[in-house]
N, C-alpha and C. Protein backbone atom coordinates (compact mmCIF):
# COMPACT_ATOMS: atom_id res chain seq x y z
N UNK A 1 -7.76 11.40 -2.07
CA UNK A 1 -6.98 10.41 -2.79
C UNK A 1 -7.86 9.76 -3.84
N UNK A 2 -7.30 9.52 -5.03
CA UNK A 2 -8.09 8.90 -6.09
C UNK A 2 -8.40 7.44 -5.77
N UNK A 3 -9.42 6.91 -6.40
CA UNK A 3 -9.82 5.53 -6.17
C UNK A 3 -8.75 4.59 -6.73
N UNK A 4 -8.33 3.63 -5.96
CA UNK A 4 -7.31 2.66 -6.35
C UNK A 4 -8.02 1.36 -6.71
N UNK A 5 -7.84 0.85 -7.94
CA UNK A 5 -8.56 -0.34 -8.36
C UNK A 5 -8.12 -1.63 -7.66
N UNK A 6 -6.96 -1.66 -7.08
CA UNK A 6 -6.42 -2.89 -6.49
C UNK A 6 -6.45 -2.86 -4.97
N UNK A 7 -7.49 -2.31 -4.39
CA UNK A 7 -7.53 -2.18 -2.93
C UNK A 7 -7.41 -3.52 -2.22
N UNK A 8 -7.98 -4.57 -2.80
CA UNK A 8 -7.88 -5.88 -2.16
C UNK A 8 -6.43 -6.34 -2.10
N UNK A 9 -5.67 -6.04 -3.14
CA UNK A 9 -4.25 -6.40 -3.16
C UNK A 9 -3.52 -5.69 -2.01
N UNK A 10 -3.76 -4.39 -1.85
CA UNK A 10 -3.07 -3.63 -0.81
C UNK A 10 -3.54 -4.04 0.57
N UNK A 11 -4.79 -4.44 0.70
CA UNK A 11 -5.27 -4.98 1.98
C UNK A 11 -4.53 -6.28 2.29
N UNK A 12 -4.30 -7.09 1.27
CA UNK A 12 -3.57 -8.34 1.45
C UNK A 12 -2.11 -8.08 1.84
N UNK A 13 -1.51 -7.04 1.26
CA UNK A 13 -0.13 -6.69 1.60
C UNK A 13 -0.04 -6.32 3.09
N UNK A 14 -0.94 -5.47 3.54
CA UNK A 14 -0.93 -5.07 4.95
C UNK A 14 -1.24 -6.25 5.86
N UNK A 15 -2.21 -7.05 5.49
CA UNK A 15 -2.57 -8.23 6.28
C UNK A 15 -1.38 -9.17 6.40
N UNK A 16 -0.68 -9.40 5.29
CA UNK A 16 0.48 -10.29 5.31
C UNK A 16 1.61 -9.71 6.16
N UNK A 17 1.81 -8.42 6.06
CA UNK A 17 2.86 -7.78 6.87
C UNK A 17 2.56 -7.94 8.36
N UNK A 18 1.31 -7.80 8.72
CA UNK A 18 0.93 -7.99 10.13
C UNK A 18 1.14 -9.44 10.55
N UNK A 19 0.82 -10.37 9.66
CA UNK A 19 1.07 -11.79 9.96
C UNK A 19 2.57 -12.04 10.09
N UNK A 20 3.35 -11.39 9.24
CA UNK A 20 4.81 -11.56 9.28
C UNK A 20 5.38 -11.08 10.61
N UNK A 21 4.80 -10.03 11.18
CA UNK A 21 5.31 -9.55 12.47
C UNK A 21 5.13 -10.64 13.52
N UNK A 22 4.02 -11.33 13.46
CA UNK A 22 3.75 -12.42 14.40
C UNK A 22 4.70 -13.59 14.14
N UNK A 23 4.90 -13.95 12.88
CA UNK A 23 5.77 -15.06 12.52
C UNK A 23 7.22 -14.78 12.89
N UNK A 24 7.65 -13.53 12.76
CA UNK A 24 9.04 -13.18 13.07
C UNK A 24 9.34 -13.33 14.55
N UNK A 25 8.32 -13.35 15.37
CA UNK A 25 8.53 -13.51 16.80
C UNK A 25 8.78 -14.97 17.17
N UNK A 26 8.45 -15.88 16.27
CA UNK A 26 8.68 -17.30 16.53
C UNK A 26 10.17 -17.60 16.39
N UNK A 27 10.62 -18.55 17.16
CA UNK A 27 12.04 -18.92 17.11
C UNK A 27 12.37 -19.57 15.78
N UNK A 28 11.50 -20.43 15.29
CA UNK A 28 11.75 -21.13 14.03
C UNK A 28 10.88 -20.52 12.94
N UNK A 29 11.52 -19.93 11.96
CA UNK A 29 10.77 -19.37 10.85
C UNK A 29 11.22 -20.02 9.56
N UNK A 30 10.37 -19.99 8.56
CA UNK A 30 10.70 -20.57 7.26
C UNK A 30 11.65 -19.64 6.51
N UNK A 31 12.44 -20.21 5.64
CA UNK A 31 13.43 -19.43 4.88
C UNK A 31 12.80 -18.39 3.97
N UNK A 32 11.56 -18.60 3.53
CA UNK A 32 10.93 -17.66 2.61
C UNK A 32 10.24 -16.50 3.34
N UNK A 33 10.28 -16.50 4.65
CA UNK A 33 9.68 -15.42 5.41
C UNK A 33 10.69 -14.29 5.60
N UNK A 34 10.21 -13.05 5.62
CA UNK A 34 11.13 -11.93 5.84
C UNK A 34 11.71 -11.98 7.24
N UNK A 35 12.89 -11.39 7.39
CA UNK A 35 13.51 -11.34 8.71
C UNK A 35 12.78 -10.33 9.59
N UNK A 36 13.02 -10.43 10.86
CA UNK A 36 12.40 -9.51 11.81
C UNK A 36 12.81 -8.07 11.49
N UNK A 37 14.06 -7.87 11.10
CA UNK A 37 14.54 -6.53 10.76
C UNK A 37 13.84 -5.99 9.51
N UNK A 38 13.64 -6.84 8.50
CA UNK A 38 12.95 -6.40 7.28
C UNK A 38 11.53 -5.95 7.59
N UNK A 39 10.85 -6.70 8.42
CA UNK A 39 9.47 -6.37 8.79
C UNK A 39 9.45 -5.06 9.57
N UNK A 40 10.35 -4.93 10.54
CA UNK A 40 10.40 -3.70 11.35
C UNK A 40 10.67 -2.49 10.47
N UNK A 41 11.61 -2.60 9.55
CA UNK A 41 11.97 -1.48 8.68
C UNK A 41 10.80 -1.05 7.81
N UNK A 42 10.01 -2.00 7.31
CA UNK A 42 8.86 -1.65 6.46
C UNK A 42 7.86 -0.83 7.27
N UNK A 43 7.59 -1.25 8.49
CA UNK A 43 6.63 -0.51 9.32
C UNK A 43 7.18 0.83 9.79
N UNK A 44 8.50 0.93 10.01
CA UNK A 44 9.10 2.18 10.49
C UNK A 44 9.37 3.18 9.37
N UNK A 45 9.35 2.74 8.14
CA UNK A 45 9.68 3.62 7.02
C UNK A 45 8.76 4.84 6.97
N UNK A 46 9.34 5.97 6.59
CA UNK A 46 8.57 7.20 6.43
C UNK A 46 8.25 7.46 4.95
N UNK A 47 8.51 6.49 4.11
CA UNK A 47 8.24 6.62 2.68
C UNK A 47 6.74 6.67 2.42
N UNK A 48 6.35 7.48 1.45
CA UNK A 48 4.96 7.55 0.99
C UNK A 48 4.81 6.99 -0.41
N UNK A 49 5.81 6.24 -0.87
CA UNK A 49 5.76 5.67 -2.21
C UNK A 49 4.66 4.61 -2.28
N UNK A 50 4.19 4.37 -3.49
CA UNK A 50 3.17 3.33 -3.69
C UNK A 50 3.66 2.02 -3.11
N UNK A 51 2.83 1.40 -2.31
CA UNK A 51 3.16 0.12 -1.69
C UNK A 51 3.81 0.23 -0.33
N UNK A 52 4.16 1.44 0.09
CA UNK A 52 4.78 1.61 1.41
C UNK A 52 3.71 1.50 2.49
N UNK A 53 4.17 1.29 3.71
CA UNK A 53 3.26 1.20 4.84
C UNK A 53 2.40 2.46 4.97
N UNK A 54 3.04 3.63 4.92
CA UNK A 54 2.28 4.88 5.06
C UNK A 54 1.29 5.07 3.93
N UNK A 55 1.67 4.69 2.72
CA UNK A 55 0.78 4.82 1.57
C UNK A 55 -0.45 3.94 1.75
N UNK A 56 -0.25 2.70 2.22
CA UNK A 56 -1.37 1.79 2.45
C UNK A 56 -2.27 2.32 3.57
N UNK A 57 -1.66 2.85 4.62
CA UNK A 57 -2.48 3.43 5.70
C UNK A 57 -3.32 4.58 5.18
N UNK A 58 -2.74 5.42 4.34
CA UNK A 58 -3.49 6.53 3.77
C UNK A 58 -4.63 6.02 2.89
N UNK A 59 -4.35 4.99 2.12
CA UNK A 59 -5.37 4.41 1.23
C UNK A 59 -6.60 3.96 2.01
N UNK A 60 -6.38 3.36 3.19
CA UNK A 60 -7.49 2.84 4.00
C UNK A 60 -7.88 3.75 5.16
N UNK A 61 -7.30 4.96 5.17
CA UNK A 61 -7.59 5.93 6.23
C UNK A 61 -7.34 5.34 7.61
N UNK A 62 -6.16 4.71 7.76
CA UNK A 62 -5.76 4.11 9.02
C UNK A 62 -4.70 4.99 9.68
N UNK A 63 -4.62 4.92 10.98
CA UNK A 63 -3.62 5.66 11.74
C UNK A 63 -2.35 4.81 11.83
N UNK A 64 -1.30 5.17 11.09
CA UNK A 64 -0.08 4.35 11.10
C UNK A 64 0.56 4.26 12.49
N UNK A 65 0.46 5.31 13.27
CA UNK A 65 1.05 5.27 14.61
C UNK A 65 0.33 4.30 15.52
N UNK A 66 -0.97 4.18 15.36
CA UNK A 66 -1.73 3.22 16.15
C UNK A 66 -1.30 1.79 15.80
N UNK A 67 -1.13 1.53 14.52
CA UNK A 67 -0.69 0.20 14.08
C UNK A 67 0.73 -0.06 14.57
N UNK A 68 1.60 0.92 14.42
CA UNK A 68 2.99 0.76 14.90
C UNK A 68 3.02 0.47 16.39
N UNK A 69 2.20 1.17 17.15
CA UNK A 69 2.14 0.93 18.59
C UNK A 69 1.67 -0.49 18.87
N UNK A 70 0.68 -0.92 18.14
CA UNK A 70 0.14 -2.27 18.34
C UNK A 70 1.20 -3.34 18.09
N UNK A 71 1.92 -3.21 16.99
CA UNK A 71 2.87 -4.28 16.66
C UNK A 71 4.11 -4.27 17.55
N UNK A 72 4.40 -3.16 18.20
CA UNK A 72 5.54 -3.12 19.10
C UNK A 72 5.16 -3.46 20.53
N UNK A 73 3.88 -3.46 20.83
CA UNK A 73 3.40 -3.78 22.18
C UNK A 73 3.08 -5.27 22.24
N UNK A 74 3.97 -6.03 22.80
CA UNK A 74 3.79 -7.49 22.85
C UNK A 74 2.62 -7.93 23.72
N UNK A 75 2.09 -7.02 24.55
CA UNK A 75 0.99 -7.39 25.43
C UNK A 75 -0.37 -7.01 24.85
N UNK A 76 -0.37 -6.40 23.66
CA UNK A 76 -1.64 -5.96 23.10
C UNK A 76 -2.45 -7.15 22.58
N UNK A 77 -3.77 -7.01 22.56
CA UNK A 77 -4.60 -8.09 22.05
C UNK A 77 -4.38 -8.27 20.56
N UNK A 78 -4.86 -9.37 20.03
CA UNK A 78 -4.69 -9.66 18.61
C UNK A 78 -5.22 -8.53 17.75
N UNK A 79 -4.56 -8.30 16.64
CA UNK A 79 -4.95 -7.23 15.72
C UNK A 79 -6.32 -7.51 15.14
N UNK A 80 -7.18 -6.51 15.20
CA UNK A 80 -8.50 -6.61 14.60
C UNK A 80 -8.50 -5.71 13.37
N UNK A 81 -8.61 -6.27 12.17
CA UNK A 81 -8.55 -5.45 10.97
C UNK A 81 -9.61 -4.35 10.97
N UNK A 82 -9.24 -3.24 10.40
CA UNK A 82 -10.13 -2.10 10.27
C UNK A 82 -11.31 -2.49 9.37
N UNK A 83 -12.52 -2.01 9.64
CA UNK A 83 -13.68 -2.36 8.82
C UNK A 83 -13.54 -2.02 7.35
N UNK A 84 -12.67 -1.05 7.02
CA UNK A 84 -12.50 -0.67 5.63
C UNK A 84 -11.63 -1.66 4.86
N UNK A 85 -10.98 -2.56 5.57
CA UNK A 85 -10.10 -3.53 4.92
C UNK A 85 -10.84 -4.85 4.83
N UNK A 86 -11.17 -5.24 3.63
CA UNK A 86 -11.84 -6.52 3.41
C UNK A 86 -10.95 -7.33 2.49
N UNK A 87 -10.37 -8.38 3.02
CA UNK A 87 -9.46 -9.16 2.21
C UNK A 87 -9.57 -10.63 2.62
N UNK A 88 -9.65 -11.48 1.65
CA UNK A 88 -9.71 -12.92 1.90
C UNK A 88 -8.47 -13.54 1.32
N UNK A 89 -7.55 -13.92 2.22
CA UNK A 89 -6.32 -14.57 1.74
C UNK A 89 -6.17 -15.92 2.38
């Protein structure tokens, strides 16, 4: 894959999506937050388009199935970002 100049942006997108999964589990969410269904659909999508979950996983050489398993397993420990993802948000 060619070098992507905005890797920090895509790391932030994935980081925010993971945070959104946690926020969607709360009973009270803010109106500007995505719905639980929107978050689930983004992670379940099989699209490889720029900005998709699978595209971001490929960019950072992450296993999308491992991440999907983590976010659906309510008993799993807190997500630990992959060492290749460095993002300060």
